[in-house]
C-alpha atoms as a PDB file:
ATOM      1  CA  MET A   1     129.214  96.430  72.569  1.00  0.00           C
ATOM      2  CA  LYS A   2     125.459  96.606  71.791  1.00  0.00           C
ATOM      3  CA  LEU A   3     123.161  97.321  74.391  1.00  0.00           C
ATOM      4  CA  GLU A   4     120.665  94.999  72.994  1.00  0.00           C
ATOM      5  CA  ASP A   5     123.033  92.220  72.999  1.00  0.00           C
ATOM      6  CA  GLU A   6     123.356  92.986  76.718  1.00  0.00           C
ATOM      7  CA  GLY A   7     119.612  91.728  77.265  1.00  0.00           C
ATOM      8  CA  ASN A   8     117.961  94.163  80.126  1.00  0.00           C
ATOM      9  CA  PRO A   9     120.666  95.576  82.322  1.00  0.00           C
ATOM     10  CA  ALA A  10     117.700  96.887  84.656  1.00  0.00           C
ATOM     11  CA  ASN A  11     117.175  92.927  85.807  1.00  0.00           C
ATOM     12  CA  ASP A  12     121.064  92.426  86.369  1.00  0.00           C
ATOM     13  CA  LEU A  13     121.097  95.383  88.631  1.00  0.00           C
ATOM     14  CA  VAL A  14     118.249  94.226  90.897  1.00  0.00           C
ATOM     15  CA  ASP A  15     120.354  90.819  90.952  1.00  0.00           C
ATOM     16  CA  ILE A  16     123.246  92.622  92.094  1.00  0.00           C
ATOM     17  CA  ILE A  17     121.764  94.871  94.669  1.00  0.00           C
ATOM     18  CA  ASN A  18     119.785  91.588  96.045  1.00  0.00           C
ATOM     19  CA  LYS A  19     123.480  90.046  96.251  1.00  0.00           C
ATOM     20  CA  ASN A  20     124.609  92.929  98.324  1.00  0.00           C
ATOM     21  CA  ARG A  21     121.568  92.560 100.533  1.00  0.00           C
ATOM     22  CA  THR A  22     121.651  88.838 101.297  1.00  0.00           C
ATOM     23  CA  ALA A  23     125.679  89.365 102.019  1.00  0.00           C
ATOM     24  CA  GLN A  24     124.698  91.412 104.988  1.00  0.00           C
ATOM     25  CA  LYS A  25     122.275  88.837 105.672  1.00  0.00           C
ATOM     26  CA  LEU A  26     119.393  90.921 104.836  1.00  0.00           C
ATOM     27  CA  PRO A  27     116.145  89.397 102.808  1.00  0.00           C
ATOM     28  CA  LYS A  28     116.061  89.606  99.031  1.00  0.00           C
ATOM     29  CA  LEU A  29     113.695  92.170  97.583  1.00  0.00           C
ATOM     30  CA  ASN A  30     110.918  91.377  95.335  1.00  0.00           C
ATOM     31  CA  ASP A  31     111.627  92.712  91.986  1.00  0.00           C
ATOM     32  CA  ASN A  32     108.191  94.336  91.287  1.00  0.00           C
ATOM     33  CA  PRO A  33     107.779  95.741  87.396  1.00  0.00           C
ATOM     34  CA  GLY A  34     105.296  98.411  88.325  1.00  0.00           C
ATOM     35  CA  LEU A  35     108.145  99.890  90.560  1.00  0.00           C
ATOM     36  CA  GLY A  36     110.862  98.888  87.570  1.00  0.00           C
ATOM     37  CA  CYS A  37     108.092 101.112  84.553  1.00  0.00           C
ATOM     38  CA  MET A  38     107.879 104.056  87.093  1.00  0.00           C
ATOM     39  CA  ALA A  39     111.743 103.985  87.298  1.00  0.00           C
ATOM     40  CA  LEU A  40     112.138 104.337  83.774  1.00  0.00           C
ATOM     41  CA  GLN A  41     109.423 107.001  83.578  1.00  0.00           C
ATOM     42  CA  TYR A  42     111.435 108.495  86.301  1.00  0.00           C
ATOM     43  CA  VAL A  43     114.640 108.853  84.200  1.00  0.00           C
ATOM     44  CA  GLU A  44     112.945 109.500  80.903  1.00  0.00           C
ATOM     45  CA  GLU A  45     111.514 112.852  82.470  1.00  0.00           C
ATOM     46  CA  CYS A  46     114.858 113.591  83.784  1.00  0.00           C
ATOM     47  CA  LYS A  47     116.937 113.296  80.491  1.00  0.00           C
ATOM     48  CA  GLY A  48     119.083 116.293  79.868  1.00  0.00           C
ATOM     49  CA  ASN A  49     119.531 116.727  83.744  1.00  0.00           C
ATOM     50  CA  CYS A  50     122.463 114.917  84.067  1.00  0.00           C
ATOM     51  CA  SER A  51     125.410 116.891  85.781  1.00  0.00           C
ATOM     52  CA  LYS A  52     129.284 116.660  85.296  1.00  0.00           C
ATOM     53  CA  ASN A  53     129.825 114.940  88.396  1.00  0.00           C
ATOM     54  CA  ASN A  54     127.046 112.049  87.454  1.00  0.00           C
ATOM     55  CA  THR A  55     124.236 113.213  89.575  1.00  0.00           C
ATOM     56  CA  ILE A  56     120.697 114.000  88.286  1.00  0.00           C
ATOM     57  CA  ASN A  57     119.366 117.511  88.938  1.00  0.00           C
ATOM     58  CA  CYS A  58     115.839 116.308  88.529  1.00  0.00           C
ATOM     59  CA  ARG A  59     112.838 115.667  91.384  1.00  0.00           C
ATOM     60  CA  PRO A  60     109.906 114.795  90.268  1.00  0.00           C
ATOM     61  CA  SER A  61     107.076 115.198  92.616  1.00  0.00           C
ATOM     62  CA  GLU A  62     104.620 113.025  94.398  1.00  0.00           C
ATOM     63  CA  ASP A  63     102.100 113.788  92.136  1.00  0.00           C
ATOM     64  CA  ASP A  64     103.977 112.717  89.136  1.00  0.00           C
ATOM     65  CA  PHE A  65     104.274 109.430  90.318  1.00  0.00           C
ATOM     66  CA  THR A  66     100.281 108.829  90.590  1.00  0.00           C
ATOM     67  CA  GLU A  67      99.203 111.282  87.794  1.00  0.00           C
ATOM     68  CA  ILE A  68     101.931 110.512  85.237  1.00  0.00           C
ATOM     69  CA  PHE A  69     104.157 107.558  85.907  1.00  0.00           C
ATOM     70  CA  ALA A  70     101.351 105.065  87.651  1.00  0.00           C
ATOM     71  CA  PRO A  71      98.929 105.923  84.578  1.00  0.00           C
ATOM     72  CA  ASN A  72     101.428 105.191  81.880  1.00  0.00           C
ATOM     73  CA  CYS A  73     102.680 102.120  82.987  1.00  0.00           C
ATOM     74  CA  GLY A  74      99.193 100.967  83.800  1.00  0.00           C
ATOM     75  CA  VAL A  75      99.699 100.452  87.560  1.00  0.00           C
ATOM     76  CA  GLU A  76      96.391  99.791  88.899  1.00  0.00           C
ATOM     77  CA  LEU A  77      96.046 103.081  90.949  1.00  0.00           C
ATOM     78  CA  PRO A  78      94.207 101.048  94.265  1.00  0.00           C
ATOM     79  CA  THR A  79      97.515  99.333  94.328  1.00  0.00           C
ATOM     80  CA  PHE A  80      99.801 102.286  94.848  1.00  0.00           C
ATOM     81  CA  GLY A  81     101.892 101.786  97.505  1.00  0.00           C
ATOM     82  CA  THR A  82     104.245 103.477  99.606  1.00  0.00           C
ATOM     83  CA  ILE A  83     107.698 104.298  98.032  1.00  0.00           C
ATOM     84  CA  SER A  84     110.307 104.398 100.917  1.00  0.00           C
ATOM     85  CA  GLY A  85     113.216 105.288  98.926  1.00  0.00           C
ATOM     86  CA  HIS A  86     114.962 106.111  95.783  1.00  0.00           C
ATOM     87  CA  ILE A  87     118.573 106.041  94.305  1.00  0.00           C
ATOM     88  CA  VAL A  88     119.569 107.881  90.951  1.00  0.00           C
ATOM     89  CA  GLY A  89     122.571 108.528  89.054  1.00  0.00           C
ATOM     90  CA  CYS A  90     123.724 109.431  85.008  1.00  0.00           C
ATOM     91  CA  GLN A  91     126.955 108.853  83.409  1.00  0.00           C
ATOM     92  CA  SER A  92     128.076 110.057  80.325  1.00  0.00           C
ATOM     93  CA  LYS A  93     128.546 106.632  78.523  1.00  0.00           C
ATOM     94  CA  TYR A  94     126.972 102.839  79.112  1.00  0.00           C
ATOM     95  CA  ILE A  95     128.524 101.184  81.767  1.00  0.00           C
ATOM     96  CA  VAL A  96     127.726  97.583  82.887  1.00  0.00           C
ATOM     97  CA  PRO A  97     125.245  97.136  85.451  1.00  0.00           C
ATOM     98  CA  SER A  98     128.056  96.062  88.467  1.00  0.00           C
ATOM     99  CA  GLU A  99     130.110  99.488  87.311  1.00  0.00           C
ATOM    100  CA  ALA A 100     126.649 101.383  87.631  1.00  0.00           C
ATOM    101  CA  PHE A 101     125.674 100.008  90.860  1.00  0.00           C
ATOM    102  CA  SER A 102     129.614 100.915  92.465  1.00  0.00           C
ATOM    103  CA  GLN A 103     130.347 104.399  90.551  1.00  0.00           C
ATOM    104  CA  VAL A 104     127.210 105.827  89.716  1.00  0.00           C
ATOM    105  CA  LEU A 105     124.594 104.808  92.251  1.00  0.00           C
ATOM    106  CA  ILE A 106     126.148 103.630  95.376  1.00  0.00           C
ATOM    107  CA  ARG A 107     128.857 106.100  95.872  1.00  0.00           C
ATOM    108  CA  ASP A 108     128.436 107.079  99.282  1.00  0.00           C
ATOM    109  CA  LYS A 109     127.404 105.772 103.120  1.00  0.00           C
ATOM    110  CA  LYS A 110     124.038 107.660 102.651  1.00  0.00           C
ATOM    111  CA  ALA A 111     122.982 105.689  99.396  1.00  0.00           C
ATOM    112  CA  LEU A 112     124.534 102.395 100.914  1.00  0.00           C
ATOM    113  CA  SER A 113     122.407 102.798 104.078  1.00  0.00           C
ATOM    114  CA  LEU A 114     119.531 103.292 101.769  1.00  0.00           C
ATOM    115  CA  LEU A 115     120.132  99.992  99.798  1.00  0.00           C
ATOM    116  CA  ARG A 116     120.308  98.259 103.096  1.00  0.00           C
ATOM    117  CA  ASN A 117     117.204  99.541 104.814  1.00  0.00           C
ATOM    118  CA  LYS A 118     115.308  96.670 106.472  1.00  0.00           C
ATOM    119  CA  THR A 119     112.105  98.214 105.667  1.00  0.00           C
ATOM    120  CA  HIS A 120     112.124  97.597 101.934  1.00  0.00           C
ATOM    121  CA  THR A 121     110.351  94.663 100.557  1.00  0.00           C
ATOM    122  CA  GLU A 122     110.399  95.573  96.950  1.00  0.00           C
ATOM    123  CA  VAL A 123     112.597  97.160  94.477  1.00  0.00           C
ATOM    124  CA  GLY A 124     111.961  98.410  90.814  1.00  0.00           C
ATOM    125  CA  VAL A 125     115.034  99.495  88.292  1.00  0.00           C
ATOM    126  CA  GLY A 126     114.538 101.771  85.262  1.00  0.00           C
ATOM    127  CA  MET A 127     117.318 102.669  82.899  1.00  0.00           C
ATOM    128  CA  ILE A 128     117.413 104.828  79.604  1.00  0.00           C
ATOM    129  CA  GLY A 129     119.992 106.439  77.638  1.00  0.00           C
ATOM    130  CA  ASN A 130     121.236 107.124  73.809  1.00  0.00           C
ATOM    131  CA  HIS A 131     123.867 107.188  71.488  1.00  0.00           C
ATOM    132  CA  LYS A 132     125.322 110.586  72.710  1.00  0.00           C
ATOM    133  CA  GLY A 133     124.508 109.796  76.168  1.00  0.00           C
ATOM    134  CA  PRO A 134     123.884 110.294  79.011  1.00  0.00           C
ATOM    135  CA  PHE A 135     122.770 107.428  80.504  1.00  0.00           C
ATOM    136  CA  LEU A 136     120.362 107.487  83.453  1.00  0.00           C
ATOM    137  CA  TRP A 137     119.521 104.700  86.140  1.00  0.00           C
ATOM    138  CA  CYS A 138     116.875 105.069  88.701  1.00  0.00           C
ATOM    139  CA  VAL A 139     116.137 102.679  91.437  1.00  0.00           C
ATOM    140  CA  LEU A 140     112.874 102.528  93.334  1.00  0.00           C
ATOM    141  CA  PHE A 141     112.189 100.793  96.544  1.00  0.00           C
ATOM    142  CA  SER A 142     108.745  99.930  98.547  1.00  0.00           C
ATOM    143  CA  SER A 143     107.946  99.059 101.761  1.00  0.00           C
ATOM    144  CA  GLY A 144     104.595  97.816 100.920  1.00  0.00           C
ATOM    145  CA  GLN A 145     103.281  94.108 100.975  1.00  0.00           C
ATOM    146  CA  THR A 146     104.816  91.748  98.657  1.00  0.00           C
ATOM    147  CA  ASN A 147     102.862  91.308  95.274  1.00  0.00           C
ATOM    148  CA  THR A 148     100.009  93.464  96.150  1.00  0.00           C
ATOM    149  CA  THR A 149     101.595  96.687  95.528  1.00  0.00           C
ATOM    150  CA  PHE A 150     102.067  99.055  92.055  1.00  0.00           C
ATOM    151  CA  VAL A 151     100.296  95.999  90.338  1.00  0.00           C
ATOM    152  CA  LEU A 152     100.467  96.422  86.380  1.00  0.00           C
ATOM    153  CA  GLU A 153      96.925  96.179  84.461  1.00  0.00           C
ATOM    154  CA  ASP A 154      96.844  92.960  82.474  1.00  0.00           C
ATOM    155  CA  ARG A 155     100.463  91.869  83.678  1.00  0.00           C
ATOM    156  CA  GLY A 156     102.089  94.684  81.783  1.00  0.00           C
ATOM    157  CA  GLU A 157     100.655  93.335  78.299  1.00  0.00           C
ATOM    158  CA  GLY A 158      99.685  96.888  77.248  1.00  0.00           C
ATOM    159  CA  ILE A 159     102.779  98.367  78.067  1.00  0.00           C
ATOM    160  CA  LYS A 160     104.501  99.663  74.924  1.00  0.00           C
ATOM    161  CA  GLN A 161     108.353 100.119  75.816  1.00  0.00           C
ATOM    162  CA  LYS A 162     110.013 102.118  73.408  1.00  0.00           C
ATOM    163  CA  LYS A 163     113.180 103.448  74.759  1.00  0.00           C
ATOM    164  CA  GLY A 164     115.267 102.288  77.948  1.00  0.00           C
ATOM    165  CA  CYS A 165     114.176  99.059  79.747  1.00  0.00           C
ATOM    166  CA  PHE A 166     112.960  98.253  83.565  1.00  0.00           C
ATOM    167  CA  SER A 167     113.392  95.551  85.853  1.00  0.00           C
ATOM    168  CA  GLY A 168     110.481  92.721  86.192  1.00  0.00           C
ATOM    169  CA  SER A 169     110.252  92.669  82.308  1.00  0.00           C
ATOM    170  CA  SER A 170     111.644  90.209  80.071  1.00  0.00           C
ATOM    171  CA  THR A 171     111.924  92.971  77.183  1.00  0.00           C
ATOM    172  CA  PRO A 172     115.371  93.744  76.473  1.00  0.00           C
ATOM    173  CA  CYS A 173     116.489  97.162  76.118  1.00  0.00           C
ATOM    174  CA  SER A 174     115.753  99.413  73.142  1.00  0.00           C
ATOM    175  CA  GLY A 175     117.460 102.480  71.544  1.00  0.00           C
ATOM    176  CA  GLY A 176     119.839 102.317  74.153  1.00  0.00           C
ATOM    177  CA  GLN A 177     123.062 103.053  72.959  1.00  0.00           C
ATOM    178  CA  LYS A 178     122.207 104.251  69.396  1.00  0.00           C
ATOM    179  CA  ASN A 179     119.092 105.622  68.057  1.00  0.00           C
ATOM    180  CA  ASN A 180     119.887 106.219  64.360  1.00  0.00           C
ATOM    181  CA  ALA A 181     117.964 105.618  61.260  1.00  0.00           C
ATOM    182  CA  CYS A 182     120.078 102.308  60.397  1.00  0.00           C
ATOM    183  CA  PRO A 183     118.957  99.808  62.365  1.00  0.00           C
ATOM    184  CA  ARG A 184     121.177  98.080  65.006  1.00  0.00           C
ATOM    185  CA  PRO A 185     123.854  95.397  63.981  1.00  0.00           C
ATOM    186  CA  LYS A 186     121.990  92.389  63.340  1.00  0.00           C
ATOM    187  CA  VAL A 187     122.834  88.924  62.192  1.00  0.00           C
ATOM    188  CA  ILE A 188     121.882  87.044  59.411  1.00  0.00           C
ATOM    189  CA  TYR A 189     122.693  83.307  59.575  1.00  0.00           C
ATOM    190  CA  LYS A 190     124.522  83.977  62.759  1.00  0.00           C
ATOM    191  CA  LEU A 191     126.849  86.379  60.274  1.00  0.00           C
ATOM    192  CA  GLU A 192     127.074  89.684  62.473  1.00  0.00           C
ATOM    193  CA  TYR A 193     127.943  93.095  60.909  1.00  0.00           C
ATOM    194  CA  ALA A 194     131.033  94.418  61.719  1.00  0.00           C
ATOM    195  CA  ASP A 195     129.515  98.011  61.755  1.00  0.00           C
ATOM    196  CA  PRO A 196     125.843  98.933  62.555  1.00  0.00           C
ATOM    197  CA  ARG A 197     125.822 101.194  59.070  1.00  0.00           C
ATOM    198  CA  VAL A 198     126.084  98.286  57.062  1.00  0.00           C
ATOM    199  CA  SER A 199     122.839  97.100  57.066  1.00  0.00           C
ATOM    200  CA  CYS A 200     121.744 100.217  55.649  1.00  0.00           C
ATOM    201  CA  SER A 201     124.233 100.069  53.120  1.00  0.00           C
ATOM    202  CA  VAL A 202     123.061  96.646  51.961  1.00  0.00           C
ATOM    203  CA  ALA A 203     119.712  98.058  51.670  1.00  0.00           C
ATOM    204  CA  ALA A 204     120.976 101.180  49.698  1.00  0.00           C
ATOM    205  CA  LEU A 205     123.175  99.057  47.648  1.00  0.00           C
ATOM    206  CA  VAL A 206     120.425  96.435  47.109  1.00  0.00           C
ATOM    207  CA  SER A 207     118.146  99.372  45.950  1.00  0.00           C
ATOM    208  CA  ILE A 208     120.414 100.638  43.302  1.00  0.00           C
ATOM    209  CA  TYR A 209     121.361  97.071  41.783  1.00  0.00           C
ATOM    210  CA  TYR A 210     117.891  96.069  41.478  1.00  0.00           C
ATOM    211  CA  THR A 211     116.665  99.748  40.118  1.00  0.00           C
ATOM    212  CA  THR A 212     119.774  99.409  37.710  1.00  0.00           C
ATOM    213  CA  SER A 213     119.303  95.657  36.891  1.00  0.00           C
ATOM    214  CA  SER A 214     115.605  96.473  35.863  1.00  0.00           C
ATOM    215  CA  ALA A 215     116.492  99.495  33.475  1.00  0.00           C
ATOM    216  CA  ILE A 216     118.856  96.962  31.728  1.00  0.00           C
ATOM    217  CA  LEU A 217     116.115  94.272  31.449  1.00  0.00           C
ATOM    218  CA  LEU A 218     114.090  96.934  30.222  1.00  0.00           C
ATOM    219  CA  GLY A 219     116.026  97.922  27.668  1.00  0.00           C
ATOM    220  CA  CYS A 220     117.025  94.352  26.686  1.00  0.00           C
ATOM    221  CA  LEU A 221     113.614  93.883  26.015  1.00  0.00           C
ATOM    222  CA  ASP A 222     113.046  96.701  24.147  1.00  0.00           C
ATOM    223  CA  ALA A 223     115.776  96.075  21.979  1.00  0.00           C
ATOM    224  CA  ALA A 224     115.381  92.499  21.851  1.00  0.00           C
ATOM    225  CA  GLU A 225     118.969  91.823  21.411  1.00  0.00           C
ATOM    226  CA  CYS A 226     120.605  90.711  24.533  1.00  0.00           C
ATOM    227  CA  CYS A 227     117.541  88.715  25.771  1.00  0.00           C
ATOM    228  CA  VAL A 228     117.203  86.773  22.294  1.00  0.00           C
ATOM    229  CA  ALA A 229     119.496  83.888  23.745  1.00  0.00           C
ATOM    230  CA  PRO A 230     118.024  81.594  26.305  1.00  0.00           C
ATOM    231  CA  PHE A 231     121.281  81.861  28.447  1.00  0.00           C
ATOM    232  CA  PHE A 232     121.067  85.282  28.836  1.00  0.00           C
ATOM    233  CA  ARG A 233     117.580  85.538  29.639  1.00  0.00           C
ATOM    234  CA  LEU A 234     117.794  82.456  32.355  1.00  0.00           C
ATOM    235  CA  ALA A 235     120.873  84.590  33.406  1.00  0.00           C
ATOM    236  CA  PHE A 236     119.277  87.601  34.001  1.00  0.00           C
ATOM    237  CA  LEU A 237     116.278  85.915  35.500  1.00  0.00           C
ATOM    238  CA  ALA A 238     118.561  84.109  38.266  1.00  0.00           C
ATOM    239  CA  TRP A 239     120.455  87.508  38.745  1.00  0.00           C
ATOM    240  CA  LEU A 240     116.959  89.219  39.643  1.00  0.00           C
ATOM    241  CA  ALA A 241     115.911  86.545  41.896  1.00  0.00           C
ATOM    242  CA  PHE A 242     119.127  86.790  43.767  1.00  0.00           C
ATOM    243  CA  LEU A 243     118.762  90.181  44.280  1.00  0.00           C
ATOM    244  CA  ALA A 244     114.844  90.011  45.436  1.00  0.00           C
ATOM    245  CA  TRP A 245     116.529  87.554  48.185  1.00  0.00           C
ATOM    246  CA  LEU A 246     118.932  90.162  49.126  1.00  0.00           C
ATOM    247  CA  ALA A 247     116.218  92.877  49.000  1.00  0.00           C
ATOM    248  CA  PHE A 248     113.996  90.574  51.077  1.00  0.00           C
ATOM    249  CA  LEU A 249     116.881  90.074  53.853  1.00  0.00           C
ATOM    250  CA  ALA A 250     117.557  93.394  54.256  1.00  0.00           C
ATOM    251  CA  TRP A 251     114.086  94.208  54.528  1.00  0.00           C
ATOM    252  CA  LEU A 252     113.957  91.695  57.684  1.00  0.00           C
ATOM    253  CA  VAL A 253     116.920  93.507  59.208  1.00  0.00           C
ATOM    254  CA  GLU A 254     114.916  96.569  58.860  1.00  0.00           C
ATOM    255  CA  VAL A 255     112.010  95.644  60.500  1.00  0.00           C
ATOM    256  CA  GLY A 256     113.765  93.567  63.060  1.00  0.00           C
ATOM    257  CA  SER A 257     112.511  90.111  62.299  1.00  0.00           C
ATOM    258  CA  ILE A 258     116.012  88.622  62.100  1.00  0.00           C
ATOM    259  CA  GLN A 259     117.413  88.839  65.713  1.00  0.00           C
ATOM    260  CA  PRO A 260     120.996  89.270  66.911  1.00  0.00           C
ATOM    261  CA  TYR A 261     122.502  85.933  67.731  1.00  0.00           C
ATOM    262  CA  PRO A 262     123.556  86.121  71.617  1.00  0.00           C
ATOM    263  CA  GLY A 263     127.213  86.197  72.228  1.00  0.00           C
ATOM    264  CA  GLU A 264     129.672  88.712  73.543  1.00  0.00           C
ATOM    265  CA  SER A 265     130.447  91.865  71.750  1.00  0.00           C
END
């Protein structure tokens, strides 16, 4: 399973939270991207503090929210409201939002009571992880006035999300399950690589073949033998054009210009 193909699990978790609340005849919570971004900042600061029982041994101070998290997210400080509660948890491997909800975050009556608190008006979720784990989740609640608290400057356009994801954003998760030098499995013309290392292998092979072919061509030109016949000359040019096309596709994969075709993993 590829985390990028999951879209934005933080948004999915907000939907699950609201479904649980409405099932208890409680109002839905507004999905606040400012809260979501700060929730992502929270778990990013707490990386490396996941215990064996899936709890996070990390508690950022109140000053961290106003002096670090909010500025990093571009939250307009005059709109910084009241955070009425938070739930955090972690898992050694990535699990889908529904399982994260029941197995990681809402594991006891205290967490369930906080989830169903009637004073909450807004919610934000952040999630981050890497290929070796763990994966950390954070849910922040606010009791402020809807749409007037934790407002992002320029609607969050300035946020450069490099890792993880947060709710209220259309940006998919990044660097979630694997963060290696090779690009994530991509799709070229809807043909998916079976292994994430394939794209790097393709790029390496293309480089080798291209270099070898260039050397052979230069040798041919020097010897003035194999390139005498028009057929060989045209064949060589066609071969080099094909390799150039492969190199271009490999480059597109590397820079991420070719997006994965949505579908189940």
